[in-house]
């Protein structure tokens, strides 16, 4: 699909229409340069609250603020021309009430120019999703492992095993019925993700889920291999940029210490004017 075709078609309704069709390609982005790269190839670009861990070194996404999401959303907006831009609502910005969610989501959309927001949760946020959609705010839902609930889950564990599958299934059905135009399924058993995808009428976007999902998403820094010590099972590394960067920095440091850099080609040669004696 060409960039021109995508530019004309990529909106929440066109993503919804991709249900059961060509898989939806999604990646995260947090900066303008990366946004420009992924925009050329992706259908949906997510400014994830994973920015807190990826770029700010936080131990989880809990500490991410609305201001951080707006700042990075604005940066990514400058680099996205074709893909659908979605921004995460951070922890504490929507759980209190639908009114709180609308106020904060409206701010995110107005200040970043994104086309939709993403909320974590299923049955518990269905009323909020319905409230937002009725007021013109498109929503991507997120069920299964919801990182903002990591403390309640007791860690980043697979969700929906055994009898817990009913809970995740109910969450997916609830957000679809509430009007979300797609839903992220994170870290759930493959068979469950496959069954949910077949059951609900909106596209599923998998991360640690199933190849049967209607689309896939990864954290861009993970799939590029920027973290040499982080290798979750569900990530395929399409590059090893972390090691490449370490090698490049080491070479630079050695050249500086040995006075090999800068060389004559990196400086501005000009004779000093004569000084009076």
Protein backbone atom coordinates (compact mmCIF):
# COMPACT_ATOMS: atom_id res chain seq x y z
CA UNK A 1 0.00 0.00 0.00
CA UNK A 2 1.51 3.34 -1.07
CA UNK A 3 2.05 6.29 1.26
CA UNK A 4 -0.40 8.30 -0.86
CA UNK A 5 -3.11 5.67 -0.49
CA UNK A 6 -2.50 5.38 3.23
CA UNK A 7 -2.63 9.15 3.68
CA UNK A 8 -6.13 9.18 2.21
CA UNK A 9 -7.43 6.18 4.14
CA UNK A 10 -5.81 5.98 7.55
CA UNK A 11 -8.32 7.12 10.12
CA UNK A 12 -10.17 5.23 12.86
CA UNK A 13 -12.89 4.07 10.48
CA UNK A 14 -10.42 2.78 7.91
CA UNK A 15 -8.52 0.88 10.61
CA UNK A 16 -11.83 -0.61 11.77
CA UNK A 17 -12.52 -1.66 8.17
CA UNK A 18 -9.27 -3.65 8.12
CA UNK A 19 -10.85 -6.31 10.36
CA UNK A 20 -9.97 -9.68 8.86
CA UNK A 21 -8.00 -8.09 6.03
CA UNK A 22 -4.38 -7.16 5.44
CA UNK A 23 -2.68 -7.12 8.87
CA UNK A 24 -2.35 -3.70 10.49
CA UNK A 25 1.30 -2.71 11.04
CA UNK A 26 1.89 -0.77 14.26
CA UNK A 27 4.93 0.49 16.15
CA UNK A 28 5.57 2.91 18.98
CA UNK A 29 7.46 6.16 18.51
CA UNK A 30 8.50 8.86 20.98
CA UNK A 31 10.65 11.26 18.94
CA UNK A 32 10.41 13.06 15.60
CA UNK A 33 13.27 11.21 13.83
CA UNK A 34 11.92 7.76 14.73
CA UNK A 35 8.39 8.88 13.85
CA UNK A 36 9.55 9.77 10.34
CA UNK A 37 11.13 6.34 9.90
CA UNK A 38 8.16 4.29 11.12
CA UNK A 39 5.59 6.50 9.38
CA UNK A 40 6.91 5.35 6.01
CA UNK A 41 5.96 1.74 6.79
CA UNK A 42 3.30 1.65 9.50
CA UNK A 43 -0.47 2.01 9.48
CA UNK A 44 -0.69 3.08 13.13
CA UNK A 45 1.92 4.84 15.25
CA UNK A 46 1.45 4.77 19.01
CA UNK A 47 3.00 7.24 21.41
CA UNK A 48 3.02 4.70 24.22
CA UNK A 49 3.38 5.44 27.90
CA UNK A 50 6.24 2.96 27.60
CA UNK A 51 8.16 6.18 26.91
CA UNK A 52 8.61 6.40 30.67
CA UNK A 53 10.66 3.20 30.74
CA UNK A 54 12.26 3.46 27.29
CA UNK A 55 13.41 7.09 27.31
CA UNK A 56 13.15 8.24 30.92
CA UNK A 57 14.46 5.19 32.77
CA UNK A 58 11.39 4.73 34.98
CA UNK A 59 10.83 1.28 36.51
CA UNK A 60 7.26 1.11 35.14
CA UNK A 61 4.72 3.24 33.31
CA UNK A 62 3.05 4.33 36.55
CA UNK A 63 5.11 7.52 36.86
CA UNK A 64 4.32 8.82 33.38
CA UNK A 65 2.45 12.13 33.41
CA UNK A 66 -0.03 13.74 31.06
CA UNK A 67 2.55 16.44 30.35
CA UNK A 68 5.06 13.80 29.23
CA UNK A 69 2.54 12.26 26.87
CA UNK A 70 1.67 15.64 25.38
CA UNK A 71 5.34 16.54 24.91
CA UNK A 72 6.22 13.28 23.15
CA UNK A 73 2.94 13.30 21.25
CA UNK A 74 3.82 16.69 19.80
CA UNK A 75 7.28 15.44 18.82
CA UNK A 76 5.87 12.39 17.04
CA UNK A 77 3.17 14.44 15.33
CA UNK A 78 5.92 16.44 13.60
CA UNK A 79 7.22 13.24 12.03
CA UNK A 80 3.95 11.50 11.09
CA UNK A 81 2.26 12.32 7.81
CA UNK A 82 0.53 9.12 6.73
CA UNK A 83 -0.05 6.77 9.66
CA UNK A 84 -2.86 7.02 12.20
CA UNK A 85 -1.42 8.65 15.32
CA UNK A 86 -2.62 7.35 18.71
CA UNK A 87 -1.48 8.62 22.13
CA UNK A 88 -1.68 6.65 25.38
CA UNK A 89 -3.61 8.07 28.29
CA UNK A 90 -1.29 7.70 31.30
CA UNK A 91 -2.11 6.16 34.65
CA UNK A 92 -4.43 8.32 36.75
CA UNK A 93 -5.64 10.45 33.85
CA UNK A 94 -8.92 8.62 33.10
CA UNK A 95 -9.83 6.17 35.88
CA UNK A 96 -11.60 8.61 38.22
CA UNK A 97 -14.61 9.30 36.00
CA UNK A 98 -15.70 9.57 32.36
CA UNK A 99 -15.68 13.35 32.78
CA UNK A 100 -12.04 13.30 33.90
CA UNK A 101 -11.18 11.05 30.99
CA UNK A 102 -12.89 13.35 28.50
CA UNK A 103 -11.19 16.45 29.87
CA UNK A 104 -7.73 14.91 29.66
CA UNK A 105 -8.27 13.10 26.35
CA UNK A 106 -9.58 16.31 24.78
CA UNK A 107 -6.43 18.09 25.94
CA UNK A 108 -4.20 15.36 24.49
CA UNK A 109 -5.97 15.49 21.13
CA UNK A 110 -6.00 19.29 20.97
CA UNK A 111 -2.35 19.71 21.95
CA UNK A 112 -0.84 16.82 19.96
CA UNK A 113 -3.07 16.59 16.90
CA UNK A 114 -3.46 12.83 17.39
CA UNK A 115 -6.44 11.02 15.87
CA UNK A 116 -7.24 8.79 18.86
CA UNK A 117 -6.26 7.89 22.41
CA UNK A 118 -5.61 4.52 24.02
CA UNK A 119 -6.96 3.40 27.39
CA UNK A 120 -6.03 0.31 29.38
CA UNK A 121 -8.73 -1.90 30.88
CA UNK A 122 -11.81 -3.81 29.84
CA UNK A 123 -15.12 -4.03 31.68
CA UNK A 124 -13.92 -1.43 34.18
CA UNK A 125 -13.44 1.27 31.52
CA UNK A 126 -16.23 0.34 29.10
CA UNK A 127 -18.47 3.14 30.38
CA UNK A 128 -15.63 5.62 29.93
CA UNK A 129 -14.94 4.42 26.37
CA UNK A 130 -18.63 4.79 25.52
CA UNK A 131 -18.62 8.32 27.00
CA UNK A 132 -15.56 9.37 25.00
CA UNK A 133 -16.71 7.90 21.71
CA UNK A 134 -20.10 9.58 22.04
CA UNK A 135 -18.26 12.90 22.34
CA UNK A 136 -16.03 12.50 19.30
CA UNK A 137 -12.92 10.93 20.80
CA UNK A 138 -11.91 7.69 19.03
CA UNK A 139 -10.51 5.05 21.38
CA UNK A 140 -8.10 2.14 21.08
CA UNK A 141 -8.62 -0.25 23.99
CA UNK A 142 -5.99 -2.44 25.67
CA UNK A 143 -6.72 -5.69 27.52
CA UNK A 144 -4.82 -8.72 28.78
CA UNK A 145 -1.63 -7.57 30.45
CA UNK A 146 -2.19 -3.87 31.06
CA UNK A 147 1.16 -2.44 32.22
CA UNK A 148 -0.46 0.30 34.29
CA UNK A 149 -1.92 -2.50 36.43
CA UNK A 150 1.43 -4.21 36.98
CA UNK A 151 1.20 -3.83 40.76
CA UNK A 152 -2.22 -5.51 40.85
CA UNK A 153 -1.01 -8.32 38.58
CA UNK A 154 2.12 -8.89 40.65
CA UNK A 155 4.43 -8.37 37.69
CA UNK A 156 4.48 -8.58 33.92
CA UNK A 157 2.85 -12.00 33.80
CA UNK A 158 0.81 -13.70 31.08
CA UNK A 159 -2.92 -13.01 31.54
CA UNK A 160 -5.86 -15.21 30.60
CA UNK A 161 -4.52 -18.63 31.50
CA UNK A 162 -7.00 -21.28 32.59
CA UNK A 163 -10.22 -19.90 34.03
CA UNK A 164 -8.83 -16.37 33.78
CA UNK A 165 -9.49 -16.57 30.03
CA UNK A 166 -13.14 -15.73 30.73
CA UNK A 167 -12.12 -12.41 32.29
CA UNK A 168 -9.95 -11.38 29.35
CA UNK A 169 -12.64 -12.50 26.89
CA UNK A 170 -15.24 -10.42 28.78
CA UNK A 171 -12.92 -7.41 28.73
CA UNK A 172 -12.44 -7.65 24.97
CA UNK A 173 -16.16 -7.97 24.34
CA UNK A 174 -16.92 -5.05 26.66
CA UNK A 175 -14.57 -2.59 24.93
CA UNK A 176 -15.81 -3.64 21.50
CA UNK A 177 -19.41 -3.13 22.56
CA UNK A 178 -18.51 0.25 24.08
CA UNK A 179 -17.29 1.58 20.73
CA UNK A 180 -13.51 1.17 20.68
CA UNK A 181 -12.37 0.87 17.06
CA UNK A 182 -9.57 -1.57 17.87
CA UNK A 183 -8.08 -3.34 20.87
CA UNK A 184 -4.54 -4.28 21.87
CA UNK A 185 -4.20 -7.82 23.24
CA UNK A 186 -1.03 -8.01 25.30
CA UNK A 187 0.70 -11.09 26.68
CA UNK A 188 -2.17 -13.56 26.49
CA UNK A 189 -2.14 -17.23 25.40
CA UNK A 190 -2.14 -17.69 21.63
CA UNK A 191 -5.35 -19.71 21.55
CA UNK A 192 -7.19 -17.07 23.58
CA UNK A 193 -6.02 -14.24 21.33
CA UNK A 194 -7.07 -16.25 18.28
CA UNK A 195 -10.53 -16.90 19.77
CA UNK A 196 -11.05 -13.25 20.73
CA UNK A 197 -10.02 -12.13 17.25
CA UNK A 198 -12.61 -14.45 15.72
CA UNK A 199 -15.29 -13.37 18.20
CA UNK A 200 -15.26 -9.56 18.23
CA UNK A 201 -16.05 -7.21 15.36
CA UNK A 202 -13.16 -4.80 15.87
CA UNK A 203 -9.51 -5.37 14.90
CA UNK A 204 -7.22 -6.95 17.47
CA UNK A 205 -3.62 -5.77 17.63
CA UNK A 206 -1.33 -8.32 19.21
CA UNK A 207 1.79 -7.99 21.32
CA UNK A 208 2.74 -11.34 22.74
CA UNK A 209 -0.60 -12.70 21.52
CA UNK A 210 -1.20 -14.48 18.18
CA UNK A 211 -0.33 -14.26 14.48
CA UNK A 212 -4.09 -14.53 13.94
CA UNK A 213 -4.59 -11.02 15.35
CA UNK A 214 -5.67 -8.36 12.86
CA UNK A 215 -2.43 -6.47 13.45
CA UNK A 216 0.79 -6.46 15.45
CA UNK A 217 2.60 -3.87 17.55
CA UNK A 218 6.02 -3.75 19.21
CA UNK A 219 7.97 -1.13 21.11
CA UNK A 220 10.26 0.25 18.43
CA UNK A 221 13.34 0.30 20.65
CA UNK A 222 12.84 -3.39 21.43
CA UNK A 223 12.53 -4.52 17.81
CA UNK A 224 15.57 -2.42 16.86
CA UNK A 225 17.65 -4.04 19.60
CA UNK A 226 18.52 -0.79 21.34
CA UNK A 227 18.44 -2.57 24.72
CA UNK A 228 21.11 -5.26 24.73
CA UNK A 229 19.95 -6.80 28.06
CA UNK A 230 16.18 -6.86 27.40
CA UNK A 231 14.86 -9.79 25.40
CA UNK A 232 11.18 -10.58 26.06
CA UNK A 233 9.87 -13.76 24.41
CA UNK A 234 7.35 -11.91 22.25
CA UNK A 235 9.87 -9.53 20.63
CA UNK A 236 11.64 -10.37 17.40
CA UNK A 237 14.72 -8.19 17.04
CA UNK A 238 15.01 -6.85 13.52
CA UNK A 239 18.25 -5.04 14.31
CA UNK A 240 21.01 -4.85 16.92
CA UNK A 241 21.35 -1.08 17.11
CA UNK A 242 22.29 -1.13 20.78
CA UNK A 243 25.48 -3.07 20.08
CA UNK A 244 26.15 -1.00 16.96
CA UNK A 245 25.80 2.20 19.00
CA UNK A 246 28.11 0.89 21.74
CA UNK A 247 30.75 -0.02 19.15
CA UNK A 248 30.47 3.41 17.51
CA UNK A 249 30.75 5.29 20.83
CA UNK A 250 33.78 3.22 21.84
CA UNK A 251 35.49 4.02 18.52
CA UNK A 252 34.72 7.72 18.95
CA UNK A 253 36.09 7.77 22.50
CA UNK A 254 39.31 6.07 21.40
CA UNK A 255 39.77 8.47 18.46
CA UNK A 256 39.36 11.47 20.77
CA UNK A 257 41.86 10.12 23.30
CA UNK A 258 44.37 9.34 20.54
CA UNK A 259 43.78 12.74 18.88
CA UNK A 260 42.61 11.07 15.68
CA UNK A 261 39.37 13.06 15.81
CA UNK A 262 38.80 15.71 14.71
CA UNK A 263 40.97 15.34 11.61
CA UNK A 264 41.89 18.05 9.09
CA UNK A 265 38.65 17.41 7.19
CA UNK A 266 36.56 18.22 10.27
CA UNK A 267 37.98 21.65 11.10
CA UNK A 268 37.84 25.09 9.42
CA UNK A 269 41.31 25.94 8.13
CA UNK A 270 42.09 29.63 8.06
CA UNK A 271 45.34 31.42 8.83
CA UNK A 272 45.30 33.79 11.78
CA UNK A 273 45.83 37.43 10.90
CA UNK A 274 49.26 38.77 11.72
CA UNK A 275 49.51 40.27 15.19
CA UNK A 276 51.44 43.41 15.88
CA UNK A 277 54.66 42.69 17.72
